[in-house]
Amino acid sequence: MTKLFNGKDLKGWKQCNGQATYKVEKGVITGTTAEGSPNSFLCTEKEYGDFLLEFEVWADDALNSGVQIRSHQYKEAVGRFPAGRIHGYQVEVASEQSQQSGGIYDEARRGWLDNPKTSALKANQWNKYRVLAIGSHIQTWINGVPVADLVDAMDQTGVIALQVHSFKGEKPAQVRWHNILIDDKGKHAFQPIGDAGWTKNGGGEWTIANGLISGKQTPDSQKRGLLIWKEEWKDFTLRLEYKTVSGNSGVFFRMGDPDNGTEPNRMGFEIEVDPTRDAGGLQEPGRQARGWIQHTGPAADLKYFKANDWNEMVVHAHGGRIAVLINGVKTAELKNDAGRKAGRLALQANPRQNLEVHYRNVALLRPAGSVQ
């Protein structure tokens, strides 16, 4: 473990937002609120990707605080947040009564991502945090008690920052940190899987060129069309973009190999790709399968879905832990599923309809520098 804070001064750190004060006193960083100030952040000058982070924190019970990880500054104004505003994952430091400490909040962006409620943090004492971030998996502990367990791949690198929240009170409030240590474990990055390696199966028309995959069907078509990736995957995090012009498609994963040249013998999991309903919904089609597992509803009710436009899909499949996100919003999650643990990736073109669907930027999350 390497010291992020040398115990003497703020070398290697810089203040990014707000007017709260940060001082070093007797080996402790003390953050003090400033009246009228927005949230303040003391940021590392270096960015980190995968790591084990440990620190001890003592906050006034009336003050909300937190530690940012894999965070960034907006390059331009976004909504109510000005250019330069820190945003990203925050490991919550809150009051003992709130039971929110150790949860993961997406500061100045999506809000709560994992808020499991725990009484592990104790008021009026030092509390030891442990944060493990490897690829798309982020876990937290307080005083040895497991708290958050999140899969999310929106950011893979960024700064670490100490937050002093905006505050109104009769007198300033304070939060203190010491023993801030990190074990740098490298980083992950999304790597395109490329155009070569897809096999057409069944009906429909598929074209692949320069990272763009397009599928079509007509009302007189009788066979389901599948575009199947060459390799079987077990545990993975996948990211792609899709746009549906018309008709029903789907992204299959952990699918069995095809038999008889027209239908797969085991369908595995399917994520719904449809311009009218269930964007990001999860099902298990096929013989003796579960059918729909999690619906999401009509497209008109789904604020995260962009009709007639490109949508980002992220799929996490690690053992029995499965999660699907569309444009950063979690649409389906299974935490201990007993279903298939390995199989193929496939894109679907359903028959007997006017179908036009497009996919692009299909990529796997891999350790940075690894060879595909």
Foldseek 3Di string as FASTA:
>chain_A
DADPDPLPFLPQKDKQAWDWDWGRDRSKTKTKADAPIAKIKIWGPDKAFWKKKKKKKAWAQQFKWWKFHLKDFACADDVPRGGRDIWAWTQIDHHLVVQQGRFIATPPDDGGDFRQGDNLDDHPDIKMKIWGGAAQWIWIDINNHTGGTGGDHPGRMHIMIIIGHHDDDPGMIMMMMHPIDMDGDATKDWDFPDQPFKDKFADWDWDDDPFKIKTWEALPGDAKIKIWGRDKDFWFKKKKKKAWPADWKWKFHQFADCPPRGGGQFGHKIATDHLFFQHRFIAGDDPPGDGGDFGDTTPVPDPLDDHRDMWMWMWGQDAQWIWIDINRHTRDIGHHDPDRRMGIIMMIDDYNHTTIMMMGDITIIDRPPDDD
